[in-house]
Amino acid sequence: MRTTVEISDEQHRALSVLAQQRGLRGFSQLVQEALDSYLSDLGQDEIAVLLDLEGTLDEQQEHELRARIEAARATWRAS
């Protein structure tokens, strides 16, 4: 499945270098590996809980969650 993911310039450069070192044309495979690793670290119970939440937020909760995610991303980028 194709999707759009926002990444920083630094992440793009790092992924491009790693892909080039592995002889890959792009870095889709690297992103898939990272997602697989992340999801396996969560465990099946956490994944099930997250999937059960699909479509359960109202508009205000969605905006609050998006703001928290953006704040977390900003903190991660700063470190």
PDB file of N, CA and C in Angstrom:
ATOM      1  N   MET A   1       0.853  -1.176   0.000  1.00  0.00           N
ATOM      2  CA  MET A   1       0.000   0.000   0.000  1.00  0.00           C
ATOM      3  C   MET A   1       0.892   1.230   0.000  1.00  0.00           C
ATOM      4  N   ARG A   2       0.529   2.191  -0.793  1.00  0.00           N
ATOM      5  CA  ARG A   2       1.279   3.451  -0.855  1.00  0.00           C
ATOM      6  C   ARG A   2       0.643   4.440   0.121  1.00  0.00           C
ATOM      7  N   THR A   3       1.495   5.236   0.752  1.00  0.00           N
ATOM      8  CA  THR A   3       1.020   6.283   1.645  1.00  0.00           C
ATOM      9  C   THR A   3       2.053   7.398   1.672  1.00  0.00           C
ATOM     10  N   THR A   4       1.681   8.529   2.230  1.00  0.00           N
ATOM     11  CA  THR A   4       2.593   9.651   2.381  1.00  0.00           C
ATOM     12  C   THR A   4       2.978   9.777   3.843  1.00  0.00           C
ATOM     13  N   VAL A   5       4.265   9.913   4.087  1.00  0.00           N
ATOM     14  CA  VAL A   5       4.779  10.059   5.447  1.00  0.00           C
ATOM     15  C   VAL A   5       5.660  11.296   5.485  1.00  0.00           C
ATOM     16  N   GLU A   6       5.441  12.147   6.455  1.00  0.00           N
ATOM     17  CA  GLU A   6       6.254  13.347   6.624  1.00  0.00           C
ATOM     18  C   GLU A   6       7.509  12.991   7.418  1.00  0.00           C
ATOM     19  N   ILE A   7       8.676  13.289   6.862  1.00  0.00           N
ATOM     20  CA  ILE A   7       9.936  13.085   7.572  1.00  0.00           C
ATOM     21  C   ILE A   7      10.769  14.355   7.442  1.00  0.00           C
ATOM     22  N   SER A   8      11.714  14.498   8.341  1.00  0.00           N
ATOM     23  CA  SER A   8      12.565  15.684   8.315  1.00  0.00           C
ATOM     24  C   SER A   8      13.619  15.556   7.213  1.00  0.00           C
ATOM     25  N   ASP A   9      14.238  16.668   6.864  1.00  0.00           N
ATOM     26  CA  ASP A   9      15.317  16.653   5.872  1.00  0.00           C
ATOM     27  C   ASP A   9      16.458  15.750   6.343  1.00  0.00           C
ATOM     28  N   GLU A  10      16.764  15.815   7.624  1.00  0.00           N
ATOM     29  CA  GLU A  10      17.834  14.991   8.187  1.00  0.00           C
ATOM     30  C   GLU A  10      17.506  13.500   8.067  1.00  0.00           C
ATOM     31  N   GLN A  11      16.259  13.134   8.363  1.00  0.00           N
ATOM     32  CA  GLN A  11      15.846  11.737   8.230  1.00  0.00           C
ATOM     33  C   GLN A  11      15.924  11.296   6.776  1.00  0.00           C
ATOM     34  N   HIS A  12      15.513  12.167   5.870  1.00  0.00           N
ATOM     35  CA  HIS A  12      15.561  11.850   4.439  1.00  0.00           C
ATOM     36  C   HIS A  12      16.997  11.607   3.988  1.00  0.00           C
ATOM     37  N   ARG A  13      17.902  12.474   4.410  1.00  0.00           N
ATOM     38  CA  ARG A  13      19.311  12.309   4.036  1.00  0.00           C
ATOM     39  C   ARG A  13      19.872  11.002   4.588  1.00  0.00           C
ATOM     40  N   ALA A  14      19.581  10.721   5.862  1.00  0.00           N
ATOM     41  CA  ALA A  14      20.104   9.502   6.488  1.00  0.00           C
ATOM     42  C   ALA A  14      19.556   8.250   5.797  1.00  0.00           C
ATOM     43  N   LEU A  15      18.262   8.252   5.499  1.00  0.00           N
ATOM     44  CA  LEU A  15      17.670   7.106   4.810  1.00  0.00           C
ATOM     45  C   LEU A  15      18.236   6.946   3.407  1.00  0.00           C
ATOM     46  N   SER A  16      18.447   8.047   2.722  1.00  0.00           N
ATOM     47  CA  SER A  16      19.006   7.983   1.372  1.00  0.00           C
ATOM     48  C   SER A  16      20.413   7.397   1.377  1.00  0.00           C
ATOM     49  N   VAL A  17      21.227   7.811   2.333  1.00  0.00           N
ATOM     50  CA  VAL A  17      22.594   7.285   2.442  1.00  0.00           C
ATOM     51  C   VAL A  17      22.548   5.790   2.756  1.00  0.00           C
ATOM     52  N   LEU A  18      21.727   5.401   3.705  1.00  0.00           N
ATOM     53  CA  LEU A  18      21.622   3.990   4.072  1.00  0.00           C
ATOM     54  C   LEU A  18      21.121   3.150   2.902  1.00  0.00           C
ATOM     55  N   ALA A  19      20.127   3.654   2.187  1.00  0.00           N
ATOM     56  CA  ALA A  19      19.607   2.938   1.020  1.00  0.00           C
ATOM     57  C   ALA A  19      20.705   2.775  -0.027  1.00  0.00           C
ATOM     58  N   GLN A  20      21.460   3.829  -0.261  1.00  0.00           N
ATOM     59  CA  GLN A  20      22.542   3.771  -1.238  1.00  0.00           C
ATOM     60  C   GLN A  20      23.593   2.740  -0.816  1.00  0.00           C
ATOM     61  N   GLN A  21      23.924   2.713   0.479  1.00  0.00           N
ATOM     62  CA  GLN A  21      24.896   1.743   0.977  1.00  0.00           C
ATOM     63  C   GLN A  21      24.409   0.309   0.780  1.00  0.00           C
ATOM     64  N   ARG A  22      23.114   0.100   0.847  1.00  0.00           N
ATOM     65  CA  ARG A  22      22.539  -1.242   0.671  1.00  0.00           C
ATOM     66  C   ARG A  22      22.216  -1.553  -0.790  1.00  0.00           C
ATOM     67  N   GLY A  23      22.452  -0.599  -1.667  1.00  0.00           N
ATOM     68  CA  GLY A  23      22.192  -0.816  -3.079  1.00  0.00           C
ATOM     69  C   GLY A  23      20.719  -0.750  -3.448  1.00  0.00           C
ATOM     70  N   LEU A  24      19.937  -0.015  -2.673  1.00  0.00           N
ATOM     71  CA  LEU A  24      18.503   0.136  -2.924  1.00  0.00           C
ATOM     72  C   LEU A  24      18.244   1.405  -3.716  1.00  0.00           C
ATOM     73  N   ARG A  25      17.211   1.393  -4.552  1.00  0.00           N
ATOM     74  CA  ARG A  25      16.851   2.581  -5.334  1.00  0.00           C
ATOM     75  C   ARG A  25      16.197   3.650  -4.470  1.00  0.00           C
ATOM     76  N   GLY A  26      15.391   3.239  -3.525  1.00  0.00           N
ATOM     77  CA  GLY A  26      14.707   4.156  -2.622  1.00  0.00           C
ATOM     78  C   GLY A  26      14.818   3.625  -1.209  1.00  0.00           C
ATOM     79  N   PHE A  27      14.044   4.205  -0.291  1.00  0.00           N
ATOM     80  CA  PHE A  27      14.159   3.729   1.074  1.00  0.00           C
ATOM     81  C   PHE A  27      12.861   3.142   1.624  1.00  0.00           C
ATOM     82  N   SER A  28      11.948   2.739   0.749  1.00  0.00           N
ATOM     83  CA  SER A  28      10.709   2.102   1.198  1.00  0.00           C
ATOM     84  C   SER A  28      10.987   0.862   2.040  1.00  0.00           C
ATOM     85  N   GLN A  29      11.939   0.046   1.601  1.00  0.00           N
ATOM     86  CA  GLN A  29      12.261  -1.170   2.350  1.00  0.00           C
ATOM     87  C   GLN A  29      12.771  -0.832   3.748  1.00  0.00           C
ATOM     88  N   LEU A  30      13.548   0.232   3.861  1.00  0.00           N
ATOM     89  CA  LEU A  30      14.073   0.645   5.165  1.00  0.00           C
ATOM     90  C   LEU A  30      12.940   1.085   6.093  1.00  0.00           C
ATOM     91  N   VAL A  31      11.977   1.822   5.534  1.00  0.00           N
ATOM     92  CA  VAL A  31      10.833   2.278   6.330  1.00  0.00           C
ATOM     93  C   VAL A  31      10.000   1.079   6.758  1.00  0.00           C
ATOM     94  N   GLN A  32       9.805   0.109   5.867  1.00  0.00           N
ATOM     95  CA  GLN A  32       9.062  -1.096   6.218  1.00  0.00           C
ATOM     96  C   GLN A  32       9.751  -1.854   7.349  1.00  0.00           C
ATOM     97  N   GLU A  33      11.071  -1.981   7.275  1.00  0.00           N
ATOM     98  CA  GLU A  33      11.826  -2.654   8.334  1.00  0.00           C
ATOM     99  C   GLU A  33      11.670  -1.919   9.666  1.00  0.00           C
ATOM    100  N   ALA A  34      11.733  -0.594   9.627  1.00  0.00           N
ATOM    101  CA  ALA A  34      11.590   0.198  10.849  1.00  0.00           C
ATOM    102  C   ALA A  34      10.192   0.029  11.452  1.00  0.00           C
ATOM    103  N   LEU A  35       9.175   0.044  10.601  1.00  0.00           N
ATOM    104  CA  LEU A  35       7.805  -0.140  11.086  1.00  0.00           C
ATOM    105  C   LEU A  35       7.608  -1.534  11.658  1.00  0.00           C
ATOM    106  N   ASP A  36       8.143  -2.548  10.985  1.00  0.00           N
ATOM    107  CA  ASP A  36       8.047  -3.910  11.512  1.00  0.00           C
ATOM    108  C   ASP A  36       8.687  -4.011  12.886  1.00  0.00           C
ATOM    109  N   SER A  37       9.852  -3.399  13.038  1.00  0.00           N
ATOM    110  CA  SER A  37      10.550  -3.420  14.319  1.00  0.00           C
ATOM    111  C   SER A  37       9.737  -2.703  15.401  1.00  0.00           C
ATOM    112  N   TYR A  38       9.215  -1.529  15.056  1.00  0.00           N
ATOM    113  CA  TYR A  38       8.419  -0.752  16.002  1.00  0.00           C
ATOM    114  C   TYR A  38       7.178  -1.529  16.432  1.00  0.00           C
ATOM    115  N   LEU A  39       6.469  -2.091  15.467  1.00  0.00           N
ATOM    116  CA  LEU A  39       5.243  -2.821  15.785  1.00  0.00           C
ATOM    117  C   LEU A  39       5.528  -4.090  16.579  1.00  0.00           C
ATOM    118  N   SER A  40       6.633  -4.757  16.296  1.00  0.00           N
ATOM    119  CA  SER A  40       6.955  -5.965  17.063  1.00  0.00           C
ATOM    120  C   SER A  40       7.314  -5.614  18.501  1.00  0.00           C
ATOM    121  N   ASP A  41       7.891  -4.431  18.706  1.00  0.00           N
ATOM    122  CA  ASP A  41       8.201  -3.975  20.064  1.00  0.00           C
ATOM    123  C   ASP A  41       6.933  -3.658  20.856  1.00  0.00           C
ATOM    124  N   LEU A  42       5.876  -3.240  20.167  1.00  0.00           N
ATOM    125  CA  LEU A  42       4.624  -2.922  20.857  1.00  0.00           C
ATOM    126  C   LEU A  42       3.979  -4.156  21.459  1.00  0.00           C
ATOM    127  N   GLY A  43       4.000  -5.230  20.740  1.00  0.00           N
ATOM    128  CA  GLY A  43       3.334  -6.442  21.204  1.00  0.00           C
ATOM    129  C   GLY A  43       1.906  -6.503  20.683  1.00  0.00           C
ATOM    130  N   GLN A  44       1.386  -7.708  20.597  1.00  0.00           N
ATOM    131  CA  GLN A  44       0.074  -7.939  20.011  1.00  0.00           C
ATOM    132  C   GLN A  44      -1.053  -7.279  20.796  1.00  0.00           C
ATOM    133  N   ASP A  45      -0.969  -7.254  22.132  1.00  0.00           N
ATOM    134  CA  ASP A  45      -2.033  -6.652  22.943  1.00  0.00           C
ATOM    135  C   ASP A  45      -2.169  -5.163  22.656  1.00  0.00           C
ATOM    136  N   GLU A  46      -1.050  -4.467  22.589  1.00  0.00           N
ATOM    137  CA  GLU A  46      -1.077  -3.033  22.312  1.00  0.00           C
ATOM    138  C   GLU A  46      -1.581  -2.743  20.905  1.00  0.00           C
ATOM    139  N   ILE A  47      -1.175  -3.554  19.949  1.00  0.00           N
ATOM    140  CA  ILE A  47      -1.639  -3.373  18.574  1.00  0.00           C
ATOM    141  C   ILE A  47      -3.142  -3.571  18.499  1.00  0.00           C
ATOM    142  N   ALA A  48      -3.661  -4.595  19.185  1.00  0.00           N
ATOM    143  CA  ALA A  48      -5.103  -4.859  19.187  1.00  0.00           C
ATOM    144  C   ALA A  48      -5.865  -3.682  19.786  1.00  0.00           C
ATOM    145  N   VAL A  49      -5.346  -3.125  20.872  1.00  0.00           N
ATOM    146  CA  VAL A  49      -5.990  -1.966  21.504  1.00  0.00           C
ATOM    147  C   VAL A  49      -6.019  -0.792  20.535  1.00  0.00           C
ATOM    148  N   LEU A  50      -4.900  -0.547  19.861  1.00  0.00           N
ATOM    149  CA  LEU A  50      -4.843   0.562  18.912  1.00  0.00           C
ATOM    150  C   LEU A  50      -5.804   0.364  17.754  1.00  0.00           C
ATOM    151  N   LEU A  51      -5.887  -0.851  17.241  1.00  0.00           N
ATOM    152  CA  LEU A  51      -6.803  -1.118  16.127  1.00  0.00           C
ATOM    153  C   LEU A  51      -8.256  -0.981  16.562  1.00  0.00           C
ATOM    154  N   ASP A  52      -8.545  -1.338  17.800  1.00  0.00           N
ATOM    155  CA  ASP A  52      -9.913  -1.197  18.310  1.00  0.00           C
ATOM    156  C   ASP A  52     -10.321   0.263  18.456  1.00  0.00           C
ATOM    157  N   LEU A  53      -9.352   1.166  18.568  1.00  0.00           N
ATOM    158  CA  LEU A  53      -9.640   2.593  18.735  1.00  0.00           C
ATOM    159  C   LEU A  53      -9.999   3.288  17.429  1.00  0.00           C
ATOM    160  N   GLU A  54      -9.782   2.634  16.310  1.00  0.00           N
ATOM    161  CA  GLU A  54     -10.021   3.253  15.016  1.00  0.00           C
ATOM    162  C   GLU A  54     -11.439   3.810  14.929  1.00  0.00           C
ATOM    163  N   GLY A  55     -11.528   5.112  14.632  1.00  0.00           N
ATOM    164  CA  GLY A  55     -12.826   5.759  14.448  1.00  0.00           C
ATOM    165  C   GLY A  55     -13.547   6.129  15.732  1.00  0.00           C
ATOM    166  N   THR A  56     -12.862   6.089  16.890  1.00  0.00           N
ATOM    167  CA  THR A  56     -13.550   6.353  18.148  1.00  0.00           C
ATOM    168  C   THR A  56     -13.369   7.770  18.683  1.00  0.00           C
ATOM    169  N   LEU A  57     -12.552   8.588  18.034  1.00  0.00           N
ATOM    170  CA  LEU A  57     -12.318   9.945  18.521  1.00  0.00           C
ATOM    171  C   LEU A  57     -13.305  10.922  17.907  1.00  0.00           C
ATOM    172  N   ASP A  58     -13.761  11.855  18.743  1.00  0.00           N
ATOM    173  CA  ASP A  58     -14.565  12.932  18.172  1.00  0.00           C
ATOM    174  C   ASP A  58     -13.604  14.005  17.652  1.00  0.00           C
ATOM    175  N   GLU A  59     -14.125  15.047  17.042  1.00  0.00           N
ATOM    176  CA  GLU A  59     -13.275  16.051  16.394  1.00  0.00           C
ATOM    177  C   GLU A  59     -12.338  16.746  17.380  1.00  0.00           C
ATOM    178  N   GLN A  60     -12.831  17.099  18.566  1.00  0.00           N
ATOM    179  CA  GLN A  60     -11.989  17.770  19.563  1.00  0.00           C
ATOM    180  C   GLN A  60     -10.865  16.840  20.028  1.00  0.00           C
ATOM    181  N   GLN A  61     -11.183  15.577  20.277  1.00  0.00           N
ATOM    182  CA  GLN A  61     -10.166  14.623  20.699  1.00  0.00           C
ATOM    183  C   GLN A  61      -9.115  14.434  19.597  1.00  0.00           C
ATOM    184  N   GLU A  62      -9.575  14.427  18.368  1.00  0.00           N
ATOM    185  CA  GLU A  62      -8.647  14.291  17.252  1.00  0.00           C
ATOM    186  C   GLU A  62      -7.664  15.458  17.226  1.00  0.00           C
ATOM    187  N   HIS A  63      -8.175  16.694  17.381  1.00  0.00           N
ATOM    188  CA  HIS A  63      -7.304  17.872  17.363  1.00  0.00           C
ATOM    189  C   HIS A  63      -6.322  17.847  18.536  1.00  0.00           C
ATOM    190  N   GLU A  64      -6.787  17.440  19.716  1.00  0.00           N
ATOM    191  CA  GLU A  64      -5.912  17.358  20.884  1.00  0.00           C
ATOM    192  C   GLU A  64      -4.820  16.310  20.675  1.00  0.00           C
ATOM    193  N   LEU A  65      -5.194  15.168  20.127  1.00  0.00           N
ATOM    194  CA  LEU A  65      -4.227  14.113  19.883  1.00  0.00           C
ATOM    195  C   LEU A  65      -3.205  14.540  18.839  1.00  0.00           C
ATOM    196  N   ARG A  66      -3.671  15.173  17.781  1.00  0.00           N
ATOM    197  CA  ARG A  66      -2.742  15.647  16.757  1.00  0.00           C
ATOM    198  C   ARG A  66      -1.750  16.670  17.342  1.00  0.00           C
ATOM    199  N   ALA A  67      -2.230  17.538  18.223  1.00  0.00           N
ATOM    200  CA  ALA A  67      -1.350  18.525  18.855  1.00  0.00           C
ATOM    201  C   ALA A  67      -0.303  17.836  19.734  1.00  0.00           C
ATOM    202  N   ARG A  68      -0.710  16.812  20.469  1.00  0.00           N
ATOM    203  CA  ARG A  68       0.228  16.073  21.321  1.00  0.00           C
ATOM    204  C   ARG A  68       1.267  15.342  20.481  1.00  0.00           C
ATOM    205  N   ILE A  69       0.826  14.768  19.364  1.00  0.00           N
ATOM    206  CA  ILE A  69       1.761  14.067  18.486  1.00  0.00           C
ATOM    207  C   ILE A  69       2.762  15.056  17.907  1.00  0.00           C
ATOM    208  N   GLU A  70       2.277  16.197  17.467  1.00  0.00           N
ATOM    209  CA  GLU A  70       3.172  17.210  16.890  1.00  0.00           C
ATOM    210  C   GLU A  70       4.165  17.709  17.934  1.00  0.00           C
ATOM    211  N   ALA A  71       3.722  17.889  19.177  1.00  0.00           N
ATOM    212  CA  ALA A  71       4.626  18.317  20.250  1.00  0.00           C
ATOM    213  C   ALA A  71       5.693  17.248  20.505  1.00  0.00           C
ATOM    214  N   ALA A  72       5.290  15.995  20.490  1.00  0.00           N
ATOM    215  CA  ALA A  72       6.245  14.900  20.683  1.00  0.00           C
ATOM    216  C   ALA A  72       7.259  14.864  19.548  1.00  0.00           C
ATOM    217  N   ARG A  73       6.798  15.073  18.324  1.00  0.00           N
ATOM    218  CA  ARG A  73       7.707  15.104  17.171  1.00  0.00           C
ATOM    219  C   ARG A  73       8.700  16.254  17.304  1.00  0.00           C
ATOM    220  N   ALA A  74       8.214  17.404  17.726  1.00  0.00           N
ATOM    221  CA  ALA A  74       9.096  18.571  17.885  1.00  0.00           C
ATOM    222  C   ALA A  74      10.165  18.293  18.945  1.00  0.00           C
ATOM    223  N   THR A  75       9.777  17.627  20.026  1.00  0.00           N
ATOM    224  CA  THR A  75      10.721  17.279  21.070  1.00  0.00           C
ATOM    225  C   THR A  75      11.766  16.306  20.538  1.00  0.00           C
ATOM    226  N   TRP A  76      11.304  15.313  19.738  1.00  0.00           N
ATOM    227  CA  TRP A  76      12.217  14.313  19.183  1.00  0.00           C
ATOM    228  C   TRP A  76      13.199  14.975  18.225  1.00  0.00           C
ATOM    229  N   ARG A  77      12.688  15.881  17.395  1.00  0.00           N
ATOM    230  CA  ARG A  77      13.566  16.553  16.422  1.00  0.00           C
ATOM    231  C   ARG A  77      14.623  17.397  17.121  1.00  0.00           C
ATOM    232  N   ALA A  78      14.262  17.980  18.262  1.00  0.00           N
ATOM    233  CA  ALA A  78      15.167  18.862  18.993  1.00  0.00           C
ATOM    234  C   ALA A  78      16.291  18.085  19.683  1.00  0.00           C
ATOM    235  N   SER A  79      16.077  16.788  19.906  1.00  0.00           N
ATOM    236  CA  SER A  79      17.100  16.022  20.630  1.00  0.00           C
ATOM    237  C   SER A  79      18.131  15.431  19.718  1.00  0.00           C
TER     238      SER A  79
END
